[in-house]
Amino acid sequence: MSTPFYIGSELSMDTISKIFLQYTGLKDRNSKEIYENDIVLGHGLREVCLGRVIFQGMAFAISGKSKSGHEWFYTVTSNYQDDSCLEVIGNIYENHKRLEER
């Protein structure tokens, strides 16, 4: 069994076999759990936005760009109730090119 920690003088791919993800406590519009570094679509009132879930300060937030190029930042609080506007479409580890598309 490999360990996710670096021990010794050599670093191999076997050493980094697992990445621990922080759960936000929220679920998206399809009841999928939302984790830090997930890539989400924000279905807003005006346009659909693509963003990344980050942990900033003491809260989770979503940072991204809209199709028209407007940058946006949305802090997700623990009393956040409207999960119908978020949709997880991947994460930065498996789908990093999705964020680069815009």
C-alpha atoms as a PDB file:
ATOM      1  CA  MET A   1       0.000   0.000   0.000  1.00  0.00           C
ATOM      2  CA  SER A   2       1.418   3.375  -0.978  1.00  0.00           C
ATOM      3  CA  THR A   3       1.305   6.420   1.251  1.00  0.00           C
ATOM      4  CA  PRO A   4       0.188   9.922   0.189  1.00  0.00           C
ATOM      5  CA  PHE A   5       3.104  11.452   2.097  1.00  0.00           C
ATOM      6  CA  TYR A   6       6.635  12.135   0.915  1.00  0.00           C
ATOM      7  CA  ILE A   7       9.154  10.112   2.901  1.00  0.00           C
ATOM      8  CA  GLY A   8      12.812   9.838   1.969  1.00  0.00           C
ATOM      9  CA  SER A   9      14.847  11.411  -0.805  1.00  0.00           C
ATOM     10  CA  GLU A  10      12.996  10.113  -3.862  1.00  0.00           C
ATOM     11  CA  LEU A  11       9.504  10.997  -5.000  1.00  0.00           C
ATOM     12  CA  SER A  12       7.744   8.530  -7.270  1.00  0.00           C
ATOM     13  CA  MET A  13       4.222   8.263  -8.688  1.00  0.00           C
ATOM     14  CA  ASP A  14       3.568   5.427  -6.223  1.00  0.00           C
ATOM     15  CA  THR A  15       4.194   7.866  -3.382  1.00  0.00           C
ATOM     16  CA  ILE A  16       1.452  10.204  -4.590  1.00  0.00           C
ATOM     17  CA  SER A  17      -1.381   7.809  -5.248  1.00  0.00           C
ATOM     18  CA  LYS A  18      -4.185   9.480  -3.305  1.00  0.00           C
ATOM     19  CA  ILE A  19      -5.449  13.020  -3.020  1.00  0.00           C
ATOM     20  CA  PHE A  20      -7.662  13.892  -0.072  1.00  0.00           C
ATOM     21  CA  LEU A  21     -10.584  16.154  -0.913  1.00  0.00           C
ATOM     22  CA  GLN A  22     -12.453  18.416   1.514  1.00  0.00           C
ATOM     23  CA  TYR A  23     -16.249  17.993   1.430  1.00  0.00           C
ATOM     24  CA  THR A  24     -18.186  21.280   1.498  1.00  0.00           C
ATOM     25  CA  GLY A  25     -21.256  19.787   3.129  1.00  0.00           C
ATOM     26  CA  LEU A  26     -23.303  20.699   0.044  1.00  0.00           C
ATOM     27  CA  LYS A  27     -24.813  18.774  -2.839  1.00  0.00           C
ATOM     28  CA  ASP A  28     -25.466  19.987  -6.377  1.00  0.00           C
ATOM     29  CA  ARG A  29     -28.725  19.987  -8.353  1.00  0.00           C
ATOM     30  CA  ASN A  30     -28.238  16.257  -9.052  1.00  0.00           C
ATOM     31  CA  SER A  31     -27.606  15.403  -5.359  1.00  0.00           C
ATOM     32  CA  LYS A  32     -23.874  14.923  -6.042  1.00  0.00           C
ATOM     33  CA  GLU A  33     -21.568  15.921  -3.173  1.00  0.00           C
ATOM     34  CA  ILE A  34     -19.531  19.083  -3.809  1.00  0.00           C
ATOM     35  CA  TYR A  35     -15.830  18.996  -2.843  1.00  0.00           C
ATOM     36  CA  GLU A  36     -12.992  21.520  -2.826  1.00  0.00           C
ATOM     37  CA  ASN A  37     -11.411  21.709  -6.319  1.00  0.00           C
ATOM     38  CA  ASP A  38     -14.549  20.486  -8.056  1.00  0.00           C
ATOM     39  CA  ILE A  39     -15.419  22.213 -11.314  1.00  0.00           C
ATOM     40  CA  VAL A  40     -19.005  23.441 -11.258  1.00  0.00           C
ATOM     41  CA  LEU A  41     -21.469  25.115 -13.547  1.00  0.00           C
ATOM     42  CA  GLY A  42     -23.406  27.912 -11.892  1.00  0.00           C
ATOM     43  CA  HIS A  43     -26.820  28.249 -13.468  1.00  0.00           C
ATOM     44  CA  GLY A  44     -27.575  31.876 -12.664  1.00  0.00           C
ATOM     45  CA  LEU A  45     -30.358  34.199 -13.644  1.00  0.00           C
ATOM     46  CA  ARG A  46     -28.483  35.788 -16.543  1.00  0.00           C
ATOM     47  CA  GLU A  47     -25.956  33.237 -17.779  1.00  0.00           C
ATOM     48  CA  VAL A  48     -24.191  29.957 -17.048  1.00  0.00           C
ATOM     49  CA  CYS A  49     -20.821  30.318 -15.310  1.00  0.00           C
ATOM     50  CA  LEU A  50     -17.947  27.858 -14.991  1.00  0.00           C
ATOM     51  CA  GLY A  51     -15.968  27.862 -11.766  1.00  0.00           C
ATOM     52  CA  ARG A  52     -13.776  26.028  -9.293  1.00  0.00           C
ATOM     53  CA  VAL A  53     -14.693  25.323  -5.671  1.00  0.00           C
ATOM     54  CA  ILE A  54     -11.992  26.716  -3.369  1.00  0.00           C
ATOM     55  CA  PHE A  55     -11.501  27.133   0.379  1.00  0.00           C
ATOM     56  CA  GLN A  56     -10.708  30.747   1.211  1.00  0.00           C
ATOM     57  CA  GLY A  57     -10.347  32.061   4.720  1.00  0.00           C
ATOM     58  CA  MET A  58     -13.006  30.283   6.734  1.00  0.00           C
ATOM     59  CA  ALA A  59     -15.469  29.401   3.966  1.00  0.00           C
ATOM     60  CA  PHE A  60     -15.881  27.641   0.670  1.00  0.00           C
ATOM     61  CA  ALA A  61     -16.263  29.789  -2.416  1.00  0.00           C
ATOM     62  CA  ILE A  62     -16.646  29.386  -6.150  1.00  0.00           C
ATOM     63  CA  SER A  63     -14.373  31.384  -8.422  1.00  0.00           C
ATOM     64  CA  GLY A  64     -14.696  31.460 -12.183  1.00  0.00           C
ATOM     65  CA  LYS A  65     -15.750  33.156 -15.410  1.00  0.00           C
ATOM     66  CA  SER A  66     -18.966  33.454 -17.329  1.00  0.00           C
ATOM     67  CA  LYS A  67     -19.246  32.661 -21.041  1.00  0.00           C
ATOM     68  CA  SER A  68     -19.033  36.373 -21.755  1.00  0.00           C
ATOM     69  CA  GLY A  69     -15.747  36.617 -19.824  1.00  0.00           C
ATOM     70  CA  HIS A  70     -16.978  38.242 -16.620  1.00  0.00           C
ATOM     71  CA  GLU A  71     -15.060  37.041 -13.569  1.00  0.00           C
ATOM     72  CA  TRP A  72     -17.135  36.095 -10.550  1.00  0.00           C
ATOM     73  CA  PHE A  73     -16.606  34.986  -6.967  1.00  0.00           C
ATOM     74  CA  TYR A  74     -19.338  33.537  -4.791  1.00  0.00           C
ATOM     75  CA  THR A  75     -18.946  32.650  -1.106  1.00  0.00           C
ATOM     76  CA  VAL A  76     -20.896  29.558  -0.088  1.00  0.00           C
ATOM     77  CA  THR A  77     -22.099  29.766   3.516  1.00  0.00           C
ATOM     78  CA  SER A  78     -23.356  26.986   5.764  1.00  0.00           C
ATOM     79  CA  ASN A  79     -26.925  28.270   5.474  1.00  0.00           C
ATOM     80  CA  TYR A  80     -26.784  28.023   1.664  1.00  0.00           C
ATOM     81  CA  GLN A  81     -30.064  26.393   0.647  1.00  0.00           C
ATOM     82  CA  ASP A  82     -30.423  26.831  -3.127  1.00  0.00           C
ATOM     83  CA  ASP A  83     -28.373  23.943  -4.469  1.00  0.00           C
ATOM     84  CA  SER A  84     -30.404  23.909  -7.692  1.00  0.00           C
ATOM     85  CA  CYS A  85     -28.084  26.463  -9.313  1.00  0.00           C
ATOM     86  CA  LEU A  86     -24.866  24.384  -8.994  1.00  0.00           C
ATOM     87  CA  GLU A  87     -23.839  21.364 -11.060  1.00  0.00           C
ATOM     88  CA  VAL A  88     -20.578  19.415 -10.576  1.00  0.00           C
ATOM     89  CA  ILE A  89     -19.021  18.577 -13.963  1.00  0.00           C
ATOM     90  CA  GLY A  90     -15.605  17.317 -12.827  1.00  0.00           C
ATOM     91  CA  ASN A  91     -12.581  18.282 -10.738  1.00  0.00           C
ATOM     92  CA  ILE A  92      -9.214  19.913 -11.393  1.00  0.00           C
ATOM     93  CA  TYR A  93      -7.326  16.632 -11.063  1.00  0.00           C
ATOM     94  CA  GLU A  94      -9.233  14.644 -13.683  1.00  0.00           C
ATOM     95  CA  ASN A  95     -10.679  17.445 -15.845  1.00  0.00           C
ATOM     96  CA  HIS A  96      -8.263  20.399 -15.498  1.00  0.00           C
ATOM     97  CA  LYS A  97      -8.618  21.368 -19.173  1.00  0.00           C
ATOM     98  CA  ARG A  98     -12.288  22.238 -18.629  1.00  0.00           C
ATOM     99  CA  LEU A  99     -11.279  25.399 -16.755  1.00  0.00           C
ATOM    100  CA  GLU A 100      -8.811  26.341 -19.483  1.00  0.00           C
ATOM    101  CA  GLU A 101     -11.512  26.162 -22.177  1.00  0.00           C
ATOM    102  CA  ARG A 102     -12.926  29.526 -21.176  1.00  0.00           C
END
